[in-house]
């Protein structure tokens, strides 16, 4: 895929395991994982990009089955802009994203 993004509403060690059985992404580009706790970049190296305001680096590390590289001070994920929220409401008018929680 050109840019691979996955989402997980349950960031835990059962989802983010130390060793996987197979990898379905054939791209050499890293995959971005957006979870209920933060945003990860998964590829040749696994990185914590940011933590959501409801979480922190310690909680993310404790709930990940593999080591993560990260900045000394992990940034907080930016809240979506009004334009982004408007787009979300347009593509998901029935709020299906909330029923997945």
C-alpha atoms as a PDB file:
ATOM      1  CA  UNK A   1       0.000   0.000   0.000  1.00  0.00           C
ATOM      2  CA  UNK A   2       1.096   3.564  -0.557  1.00  0.00           C
ATOM      3  CA  UNK A   3       0.506   4.662   3.046  1.00  0.00           C
ATOM      4  CA  UNK A   4      -0.685   2.028   5.474  1.00  0.00           C
ATOM      5  CA  UNK A   5      -2.646   3.107   8.542  1.00  0.00           C
ATOM      6  CA  UNK A   6      -4.226   0.771  11.065  1.00  0.00           C
ATOM      7  CA  UNK A   7      -6.432   1.545  14.027  1.00  0.00           C
ATOM      8  CA  UNK A   8      -6.927  -0.305  17.275  1.00  0.00           C
ATOM      9  CA  UNK A   9      -9.378   0.685  19.962  1.00  0.00           C
ATOM     10  CA  UNK A  10      -7.668  -1.623  22.458  1.00  0.00           C
ATOM     11  CA  UNK A  11      -3.976  -0.852  22.824  1.00  0.00           C
ATOM     12  CA  UNK A  12      -2.696  -3.828  24.811  1.00  0.00           C
ATOM     13  CA  UNK A  13      -0.074  -6.588  24.704  1.00  0.00           C
ATOM     14  CA  UNK A  14      -2.516  -9.015  23.085  1.00  0.00           C
ATOM     15  CA  UNK A  15      -2.852  -6.656  20.109  1.00  0.00           C
ATOM     16  CA  UNK A  16       0.720  -5.335  19.961  1.00  0.00           C
ATOM     17  CA  UNK A  17       2.601  -8.605  20.434  1.00  0.00           C
ATOM     18  CA  UNK A  18       6.354  -9.138  20.547  1.00  0.00           C
ATOM     19  CA  UNK A  19       6.354 -11.504  17.549  1.00  0.00           C
ATOM     20  CA  UNK A  20       3.721 -11.769  14.807  1.00  0.00           C
ATOM     21  CA  UNK A  21       2.868 -14.875  12.770  1.00  0.00           C
ATOM     22  CA  UNK A  22       2.716 -12.965   9.477  1.00  0.00           C
ATOM     23  CA  UNK A  23       2.827  -9.450   8.070  1.00  0.00           C
ATOM     24  CA  UNK A  24       0.161  -8.519   5.515  1.00  0.00           C
ATOM     25  CA  UNK A  25       1.649  -5.138   4.562  1.00  0.00           C
ATOM     26  CA  UNK A  26       3.991  -5.621   1.607  1.00  0.00           C
ATOM     27  CA  UNK A  27       5.178  -2.012   1.563  1.00  0.00           C
ATOM     28  CA  UNK A  28       8.660  -0.974   2.629  1.00  0.00           C
ATOM     29  CA  UNK A  29       7.115   2.121   4.179  1.00  0.00           C
ATOM     30  CA  UNK A  30       6.298   2.108   7.880  1.00  0.00           C
ATOM     31  CA  UNK A  31       2.737   1.534   9.040  1.00  0.00           C
ATOM     32  CA  UNK A  32       1.076   4.138  11.259  1.00  0.00           C
ATOM     33  CA  UNK A  33      -0.966   2.670  14.115  1.00  0.00           C
ATOM     34  CA  UNK A  34      -3.551   4.914  15.747  1.00  0.00           C
ATOM     35  CA  UNK A  35      -4.812   3.474  19.017  1.00  0.00           C
ATOM     36  CA  UNK A  36      -6.894   4.562  21.961  1.00  0.00           C
ATOM     37  CA  UNK A  37      -3.639   5.513  23.744  1.00  0.00           C
ATOM     38  CA  UNK A  38      -1.452   7.103  21.076  1.00  0.00           C
ATOM     39  CA  UNK A  39       0.150   6.949  17.647  1.00  0.00           C
ATOM     40  CA  UNK A  40       2.934   4.531  16.687  1.00  0.00           C
ATOM     41  CA  UNK A  41       5.144   4.189  13.600  1.00  0.00           C
ATOM     42  CA  UNK A  42       5.813   0.498  12.903  1.00  0.00           C
ATOM     43  CA  UNK A  43       8.487  -0.592  10.459  1.00  0.00           C
ATOM     44  CA  UNK A  44      12.197  -1.310  10.614  1.00  0.00           C
ATOM     45  CA  UNK A  45      12.042   0.404  13.990  1.00  0.00           C
ATOM     46  CA  UNK A  46       9.031   0.774  16.269  1.00  0.00           C
ATOM     47  CA  UNK A  47       8.445   4.334  17.444  1.00  0.00           C
ATOM     48  CA  UNK A  48       6.020   6.098  19.739  1.00  0.00           C
ATOM     49  CA  UNK A  49       5.095   9.257  17.829  1.00  0.00           C
ATOM     50  CA  UNK A  50       2.678  10.776  20.334  1.00  0.00           C
ATOM     51  CA  UNK A  51       0.488   9.988  23.323  1.00  0.00           C
ATOM     52  CA  UNK A  52      -3.146  11.050  23.444  1.00  0.00           C
ATOM     53  CA  UNK A  53      -4.111  13.466  26.216  1.00  0.00           C
ATOM     54  CA  UNK A  54      -5.820  10.585  28.072  1.00  0.00           C
ATOM     55  CA  UNK A  55      -2.579   8.592  28.221  1.00  0.00           C
ATOM     56  CA  UNK A  56       1.201   8.880  28.596  1.00  0.00           C
ATOM     57  CA  UNK A  57       4.390   7.151  27.407  1.00  0.00           C
ATOM     58  CA  UNK A  58       4.583   4.914  30.498  1.00  0.00           C
ATOM     59  CA  UNK A  59       1.076   3.525  29.962  1.00  0.00           C
ATOM     60  CA  UNK A  60       1.755   2.933  26.260  1.00  0.00           C
ATOM     61  CA  UNK A  61       5.037   1.115  26.987  1.00  0.00           C
ATOM     62  CA  UNK A  62       3.312  -1.054  29.628  1.00  0.00           C
ATOM     63  CA  UNK A  63       0.632  -2.020  27.092  1.00  0.00           C
ATOM     64  CA  UNK A  64       2.961  -2.799  24.172  1.00  0.00           C
ATOM     65  CA  UNK A  65       4.593  -6.205  23.775  1.00  0.00           C
ATOM     66  CA  UNK A  66       7.768  -4.856  22.165  1.00  0.00           C
ATOM     67  CA  UNK A  67      10.272  -2.070  22.738  1.00  0.00           C
ATOM     68  CA  UNK A  68       9.461   1.387  21.413  1.00  0.00           C
ATOM     69  CA  UNK A  69      11.865   4.126  20.461  1.00  0.00           C
ATOM     70  CA  UNK A  70      10.719   7.603  21.445  1.00  0.00           C
ATOM     71  CA  UNK A  71      11.783  11.151  22.062  1.00  0.00           C
ATOM     72  CA  UNK A  72      12.873  12.096  25.589  1.00  0.00           C
ATOM     73  CA  UNK A  73       9.646  14.071  25.865  1.00  0.00           C
ATOM     74  CA  UNK A  74       6.833  12.357  23.970  1.00  0.00           C
ATOM     75  CA  UNK A  75       4.482  14.927  22.434  1.00  0.00           C
ATOM     76  CA  UNK A  76       0.759  14.945  23.113  1.00  0.00           C
ATOM     77  CA  UNK A  77      -1.345  14.128  20.055  1.00  0.00           C
ATOM     78  CA  UNK A  78      -2.879  17.270  18.575  1.00  0.00           C
ATOM     79  CA  UNK A  79      -6.638  17.480  18.848  1.00  0.00           C
ATOM     80  CA  UNK A  80      -8.435  17.397  15.486  1.00  0.00           C
ATOM     81  CA  UNK A  81      -9.161  20.753  13.899  1.00  0.00           C
ATOM     82  CA  UNK A  82     -12.702  21.891  13.233  1.00  0.00           C
ATOM     83  CA  UNK A  83     -12.097  21.159   9.537  1.00  0.00           C
ATOM     84  CA  UNK A  84     -11.022  17.579  10.367  1.00  0.00           C
ATOM     85  CA  UNK A  85     -14.020  17.079  12.652  1.00  0.00           C
ATOM     86  CA  UNK A  86     -16.321  18.343   9.923  1.00  0.00           C
ATOM     87  CA  UNK A  87     -14.805  15.834   7.487  1.00  0.00           C
ATOM     88  CA  UNK A  88     -15.234  13.001  10.015  1.00  0.00           C
ATOM     89  CA  UNK A  89     -18.884  13.924  10.467  1.00  0.00           C
ATOM     90  CA  UNK A  90     -19.319  13.936   6.682  1.00  0.00           C
ATOM     91  CA  UNK A  91     -17.786  10.499   6.101  1.00  0.00           C
ATOM     92  CA  UNK A  92     -19.388   8.994   9.222  1.00  0.00           C
ATOM     93  CA  UNK A  93     -22.763  10.738   9.587  1.00  0.00           C
ATOM     94  CA  UNK A  94     -24.232   7.955  11.761  1.00  0.00           C
ATOM     95  CA  UNK A  95     -21.282   8.066  14.238  1.00  0.00           C
ATOM     96  CA  UNK A  96     -20.323   4.428  13.612  1.00  0.00           C
ATOM     97  CA  UNK A  97     -16.857   5.214  14.998  1.00  0.00           C
ATOM     98  CA  UNK A  98     -18.359   5.570  18.485  1.00  0.00           C
ATOM     99  CA  UNK A  99     -20.149   2.203  18.348  1.00  0.00           C
ATOM    100  CA  UNK A 100     -16.755   0.493  17.920  1.00  0.00           C
ATOM    101  CA  UNK A 101     -15.725   1.530  21.434  1.00  0.00           C
END
